[in-house]
PDB file of N, CA and C in Angstrom:
ATOM      1  N   UNK A   1      -0.167   4.195   0.201  1.00  0.00           N
ATOM      2  CA  UNK A   1      -0.310   4.433  -1.255  1.00  0.00           C
ATOM      3  C   UNK A   1       0.852   4.869  -2.041  1.00  0.00           C
ATOM      4  N   UNK A   2       1.319   4.420  -3.010  1.00  0.00           N
ATOM      5  CA  UNK A   2       2.636   4.771  -3.733  1.00  0.00           C
ATOM      6  C   UNK A   2       1.978   5.814  -5.189  1.00  0.00           C
ATOM      7  N   UNK A   3       2.934   6.656  -5.388  1.00  0.00           N
ATOM      8  CA  UNK A   3       2.522   7.501  -6.405  1.00  0.00           C
ATOM      9  C   UNK A   3       3.730   7.924  -7.412  1.00  0.00           C
ATOM     10  N   UNK A   4       4.291   7.008  -8.120  1.00  0.00           N
ATOM     11  CA  UNK A   4       5.341   7.122  -9.014  1.00  0.00           C
ATOM     12  C   UNK A   4       5.075   7.944  -9.711  1.00  0.00           C
ATOM     13  N   UNK A   5       5.916   8.936 -10.767  1.00  0.00           N
ATOM     14  CA  UNK A   5       5.886   9.699 -11.554  1.00  0.00           C
ATOM     15  C   UNK A   5       5.186   8.836 -13.082  1.00  0.00           C
ATOM     16  N   UNK A   6       4.192   9.494 -13.538  1.00  0.00           N
ATOM     17  CA  UNK A   6       3.314   8.786 -14.401  1.00  0.00           C
ATOM     18  C   UNK A   6       3.909   8.167 -15.688  1.00  0.00           C
ATOM     19  N   UNK A   7       5.503   8.573 -15.972  1.00  0.00           N
ATOM     20  CA  UNK A   7       6.207   7.967 -17.056  1.00  0.00           C
ATOM     21  C   UNK A   7       6.330   6.734 -16.709  1.00  0.00           C
ATOM     22  N   UNK A   8       5.742   6.006 -15.721  1.00  0.00           N
ATOM     23  CA  UNK A   8       5.909   4.395 -15.594  1.00  0.00           C
ATOM     24  C   UNK A   8       5.090   3.758 -16.813  1.00  0.00           C
ATOM     25  N   UNK A   9       4.084   4.717 -17.448  1.00  0.00           N
ATOM     26  CA  UNK A   9       3.494   3.883 -18.328  1.00  0.00           C
ATOM     27  C   UNK A   9       3.957   3.946 -19.712  1.00  0.00           C
ATOM     28  N   UNK A  10       5.151   4.713 -19.912  1.00  0.00           N
ATOM     29  CA  UNK A  10       6.081   4.577 -21.253  1.00  0.00           C
ATOM     30  C   UNK A  10       7.457   4.386 -20.926  1.00  0.00           C
ATOM     31  N   UNK A  11       7.912   4.251 -19.591  1.00  0.00           N
ATOM     32  CA  UNK A  11       9.337   3.868 -19.614  1.00  0.00           C
ATOM     33  C   UNK A  11       9.316   2.530 -18.721  1.00  0.00           C
ATOM     34  N   UNK A  12       9.820   1.822 -19.313  1.00  0.00           N
ATOM     35  CA  UNK A  12       9.739   0.285 -18.779  1.00  0.00           C
ATOM     36  C   UNK A  12      10.712   0.355 -17.468  1.00  0.00           C
ATOM     37  N   UNK A  13      11.834   0.975 -17.505  1.00  0.00           N
ATOM     38  CA  UNK A  13      12.743   0.786 -16.283  1.00  0.00           C
ATOM     39  C   UNK A  13      11.899   1.581 -15.027  1.00  0.00           C
ATOM     40  N   UNK A  14      10.871   2.433 -15.296  1.00  0.00           N
ATOM     41  CA  UNK A  14      10.348   2.784 -14.193  1.00  0.00           C
ATOM     42  C   UNK A  14       9.107   2.154 -13.661  1.00  0.00           C
ATOM     43  N   UNK A  15       8.693   1.429 -14.729  1.00  0.00           N
ATOM     44  CA  UNK A  15       7.647   0.551 -14.414  1.00  0.00           C
ATOM     45  C   UNK A  15       8.050  -0.612 -13.814  1.00  0.00           C
ATOM     46  N   UNK A  16       9.205  -0.969 -14.071  1.00  0.00           N
ATOM     47  CA  UNK A  16       9.800  -2.481 -13.263  1.00  0.00           C
ATOM     48  C   UNK A  16      10.190  -2.038 -11.827  1.00  0.00           C
ATOM     49  N   UNK A  17      10.534  -0.736 -11.517  1.00  0.00           N
ATOM     50  CA  UNK A  17      10.790  -0.234  -9.994  1.00  0.00           C
ATOM     51  C   UNK A  17       9.549  -0.279  -9.452  1.00  0.00           C
ATOM     52  N   UNK A  18       8.558   0.331  -9.902  1.00  0.00           N
ATOM     53  CA  UNK A  18       7.385   0.463  -9.574  1.00  0.00           C
ATOM     54  C   UNK A  18       6.719  -0.963  -9.275  1.00  0.00           C
ATOM     55  N   UNK A  19       6.877  -1.879 -10.026  1.00  0.00           N
ATOM     56  CA  UNK A  19       6.406  -3.060  -9.920  1.00  0.00           C
ATOM     57  C   UNK A  19       7.277  -4.004  -8.648  1.00  0.00           C
ATOM     58  N   UNK A  20       8.691  -3.782  -8.590  1.00  0.00           N
ATOM     59  CA  UNK A  20       9.267  -4.168  -7.673  1.00  0.00           C
ATOM     60  C   UNK A  20       8.818  -3.738  -6.269  1.00  0.00           C
ATOM     61  N   UNK A  21       8.448  -2.538  -6.032  1.00  0.00           N
ATOM     62  CA  UNK A  21       8.264  -1.651  -4.825  1.00  0.00           C
ATOM     63  C   UNK A  21       6.774  -2.523  -4.330  1.00  0.00           C
ATOM     64  N   UNK A  22       6.010  -2.373  -5.416  1.00  0.00           N
ATOM     65  CA  UNK A  22       4.451  -3.103  -5.019  1.00  0.00           C
ATOM     66  C   UNK A  22       4.751  -4.593  -4.446  1.00  0.00           C
ATOM     67  N   UNK A  23       5.523  -5.241  -5.167  1.00  0.00           N
ATOM     68  CA  UNK A  23       5.811  -6.746  -4.636  1.00  0.00           C
ATOM     69  C   UNK A  23       6.325  -6.842  -3.426  1.00  0.00           C
ATOM     70  N   UNK A  24       7.314  -5.866  -3.048  1.00  0.00           N
ATOM     71  CA  UNK A  24       7.860  -5.927  -1.733  1.00  0.00           C
ATOM     72  C   UNK A  24       6.942  -5.520  -0.750  1.00  0.00           C
ATOM     73  N   UNK A  25       6.191  -4.514  -1.054  1.00  0.00           N
ATOM     74  CA  UNK A  25       5.335  -3.974   0.169  1.00  0.00           C
ATOM     75  C   UNK A  25       4.168  -5.198   0.269  1.00  0.00           C
ATOM     76  N   UNK A  26       3.796  -5.673  -0.674  1.00  0.00           N
ATOM     77  CA  UNK A  26       2.823  -7.087  -0.611  1.00  0.00           C
ATOM     78  C   UNK A  26       3.508  -8.060   0.326  1.00  0.00           C
ATOM     79  N   UNK A  27       4.609  -8.383  -0.059  1.00  0.00           N
ATOM     80  CA  UNK A  27       5.226  -9.562   0.713  1.00  0.00           C
ATOM     81  C   UNK A  27       5.526  -8.946   2.072  1.00  0.00           C
ATOM     82  N   UNK A  28       5.692  -7.685   2.609  1.00  0.00           N
ATOM     83  CA  UNK A  28       5.860  -7.426   4.016  1.00  0.00           C
ATOM     84  C   UNK A  28       4.179  -7.249   4.447  1.00  0.00           C
ATOM     85  N   UNK A  29       3.100  -7.528   3.904  1.00  0.00           N
ATOM     86  CA  UNK A  29       2.015  -7.445   4.422  1.00  0.00           C
ATOM     87  C   UNK A  29       1.230  -6.480   4.336  1.00  0.00           C
ATOM     88  N   UNK A  30       1.539  -5.561   3.336  1.00  0.00           N
ATOM     89  CA  UNK A  30       0.966  -4.041   3.372  1.00  0.00           C
ATOM     90  C   UNK A  30      -0.113  -4.232   2.347  1.00  0.00           C
ATOM     91  N   UNK A  31      -1.291  -3.318   2.316  1.00  0.00           N
ATOM     92  CA  UNK A  31      -2.244  -3.364   1.270  1.00  0.00           C
ATOM     93  C   UNK A  31      -1.794  -2.254   0.511  1.00  0.00           C
ATOM     94  N   UNK A  32      -1.793  -2.269  -0.672  1.00  0.00           N
ATOM     95  CA  UNK A  32      -1.445  -1.315  -1.677  1.00  0.00           C
ATOM     96  C   UNK A  32      -2.353  -0.584  -2.444  1.00  0.00           C
ATOM     97  N   UNK A  33      -2.252   0.801  -2.562  1.00  0.00           N
ATOM     98  CA  UNK A  33      -2.956   1.470  -3.743  1.00  0.00           C
ATOM     99  C   UNK A  33      -2.165   2.106  -4.467  1.00  0.00           C
ATOM    100  N   UNK A  34      -2.571   2.450  -5.736  1.00  0.00           N
ATOM    101  CA  UNK A  34      -1.747   3.336  -6.693  1.00  0.00           C
ATOM    102  C   UNK A  34      -2.414   4.687  -6.729  1.00  0.00           C
ATOM    103  N   UNK A  35      -1.772   5.525  -6.525  1.00  0.00           N
ATOM    104  CA  UNK A  35      -2.137   7.097  -7.022  1.00  0.00           C
ATOM    105  C   UNK A  35      -2.238   7.198  -8.418  1.00  0.00           C
ATOM    106  N   UNK A  36      -3.187   7.677  -9.390  1.00  0.00           N
ATOM    107  CA  UNK A  36      -2.930   7.674 -10.768  1.00  0.00           C
ATOM    108  C   UNK A  36      -3.713   8.888 -11.021  1.00  0.00           C
ATOM    109  N   UNK A  37      -3.177   9.873 -12.061  1.00  0.00           N
ATOM    110  CA  UNK A  37      -3.625  10.572 -12.509  1.00  0.00           C
ATOM    111  C   UNK A  37      -3.456  10.970 -14.070  1.00  0.00           C
ATOM    112  N   UNK A  38      -4.060  12.106 -14.819  1.00  0.00           N
ATOM    113  CA  UNK A  38      -3.854  12.304 -16.045  1.00  0.00           C
ATOM    114  C   UNK A  38      -2.344  12.819 -16.496  1.00  0.00           C
ATOM    115  N   UNK A  39      -1.590  11.858 -17.205  1.00  0.00           N
ATOM    116  CA  UNK A  39      -0.071  12.084 -17.571  1.00  0.00           C
ATOM    117  C   UNK A  39      -0.066  13.425 -18.360  1.00  0.00           C
ATOM    118  N   UNK A  40      -1.027  13.828 -19.020  1.00  0.00           N
ATOM    119  CA  UNK A  40      -1.080  14.853 -19.838  1.00  0.00           C
ATOM    120  C   UNK A  40      -1.256  16.103 -19.212  1.00  0.00           C
ATOM    121  N   UNK A  41      -1.627  16.014 -17.829  1.00  0.00           N
ATOM    122  CA  UNK A  41      -1.696  17.222 -17.059  1.00  0.00           C
ATOM    123  C   UNK A  41      -0.541  17.500 -16.225  1.00  0.00           C
ATOM    124  N   UNK A  42       0.089  16.200 -15.798  1.00  0.00           N
ATOM    125  CA  UNK A  42       1.312  16.364 -14.701  1.00  0.00           C
ATOM    126  C   UNK A  42       1.904  15.245 -14.872  1.00  0.00           C
ATOM    127  N   UNK A  43       3.375  15.311 -14.655  1.00  0.00           N
ATOM    128  CA  UNK A  43       4.262  13.939 -14.424  1.00  0.00           C
ATOM    129  C   UNK A  43       4.175  13.511 -13.252  1.00  0.00           C
ATOM    130  N   UNK A  44       4.567  14.219 -12.057  1.00  0.00           N
ATOM    131  CA  UNK A  44       4.811  13.681 -10.809  1.00  0.00           C
ATOM    132  C   UNK A  44       3.629  14.187 -10.183  1.00  0.00           C
ATOM    133  N   UNK A  45       3.269  13.500  -8.949  1.00  0.00           N
ATOM    134  CA  UNK A  45       2.266  13.784  -7.958  1.00  0.00           C
ATOM    135  C   UNK A  45       2.343  15.265  -7.421  1.00  0.00           C
ATOM    136  N   UNK A  46       3.672  15.716  -7.280  1.00  0.00           N
ATOM    137  CA  UNK A  46       3.729  17.362  -6.690  1.00  0.00           C
ATOM    138  C   UNK A  46       3.114  18.226  -7.896  1.00  0.00           C
ATOM    139  N   UNK A  47       3.401  17.732  -9.326  1.00  0.00           N
ATOM    140  CA  UNK A  47       2.813  18.693 -10.120  1.00  0.00           C
ATOM    141  C   UNK A  47       1.113  18.652 -10.230  1.00  0.00           C
ATOM    142  N   UNK A  48       1.039  17.204  -9.996  1.00  0.00           N
ATOM    143  CA  UNK A  48      -0.763  17.125  -9.910  1.00  0.00           C
ATOM    144  C   UNK A  48      -1.401  17.807  -9.064  1.00  0.00           C
ATOM    145  N   UNK A  49      -0.652  18.032  -7.824  1.00  0.00           N
ATOM    146  CA  UNK A  49      -1.397  18.683  -6.645  1.00  0.00           C
ATOM    147  C   UNK A  49      -1.526  20.090  -6.841  1.00  0.00           C
ATOM    148  N   UNK A  50      -0.262  20.359  -7.363  1.00  0.00           N
ATOM    149  CA  UNK A  50      -0.136  22.020  -7.611  1.00  0.00           C
ATOM    150  C   UNK A  50      -1.266  22.476  -9.014  1.00  0.00           C
ATOM    151  N   UNK A  51      -1.391  21.539  -9.808  1.00  0.00           N
ATOM    152  CA  UNK A  51      -2.224  21.813 -10.719  1.00  0.00           C
ATOM    153  C   UNK A  51      -3.562  21.521 -10.668  1.00  0.00           C
ATOM    154  N   UNK A  52      -3.953  20.998  -9.441  1.00  0.00           N
ATOM    155  CA  UNK A  52      -5.151  20.583  -8.925  1.00  0.00           C
ATOM    156  C   UNK A  52      -5.803  19.625  -9.902  1.00  0.00           C
ATOM    157  N   UNK A  53      -5.334  18.802 -10.364  1.00  0.00           N
ATOM    158  CA  UNK A  53      -5.459  17.429 -11.249  1.00  0.00           C
ATOM    159  C   UNK A  53      -6.047  16.404 -10.449  1.00  0.00           C
ATOM    160  N   UNK A  54      -7.377  15.959 -10.833  1.00  0.00           N
ATOM    161  CA  UNK A  54      -7.908  14.688 -10.165  1.00  0.00           C
ATOM    162  C   UNK A  54      -6.858  13.624  -9.990  1.00  0.00           C
ATOM    163  N   UNK A  55      -7.091  13.051  -8.890  1.00  0.00           N
ATOM    164  CA  UNK A  55      -6.246  11.871  -8.562  1.00  0.00           C
ATOM    165  C   UNK A  55      -7.027  10.581  -8.083  1.00  0.00           C
ATOM    166  N   UNK A  56      -7.049   9.751  -9.047  1.00  0.00           N
ATOM    167  CA  UNK A  56      -7.499   8.501  -8.558  1.00  0.00           C
ATOM    168  C   UNK A  56      -6.822   7.521  -7.813  1.00  0.00           C
ATOM    169  N   UNK A  57      -7.449   6.420  -6.998  1.00  0.00           N
ATOM    170  CA  UNK A  57      -6.585   5.562  -6.351  1.00  0.00           C
ATOM    171  C   UNK A  57      -7.281   4.335  -6.642  1.00  0.00           C
ATOM    172  N   UNK A  58      -6.209   3.230  -6.993  1.00  0.00           N
ATOM    173  CA  UNK A  58      -6.458   1.921  -7.297  1.00  0.00           C
ATOM    174  C   UNK A  58      -5.825   0.814  -6.308  1.00  0.00           C
ATOM    175  N   UNK A  59      -6.720   0.043  -5.733  1.00  0.00           N
ATOM    176  CA  UNK A  59      -6.325  -0.944  -4.836  1.00  0.00           C
ATOM    177  C   UNK A  59      -5.551  -1.923  -5.706  1.00  0.00           C
ATOM    178  N   UNK A  60      -4.302  -2.630  -5.394  1.00  0.00           N
ATOM    179  CA  UNK A  60      -3.802  -3.387  -6.164  1.00  0.00           C
ATOM    180  C   UNK A  60      -3.271  -4.616  -5.107  1.00  0.00           C
TER     181      UNK A  60
END
């Protein structure tokens, strides 16, 4: 499970690094899923956990 800050939705540089990590994990044979939450409630997963924000998972 990968959980980048949700600013990957608006920041192309973060999105590119996220994509590169996912591609590398796939090439190494890993099954990958993304942790996603409402970016209005929390930027990072640590903030989402503290705020008790719902976290969803997406297989990719």
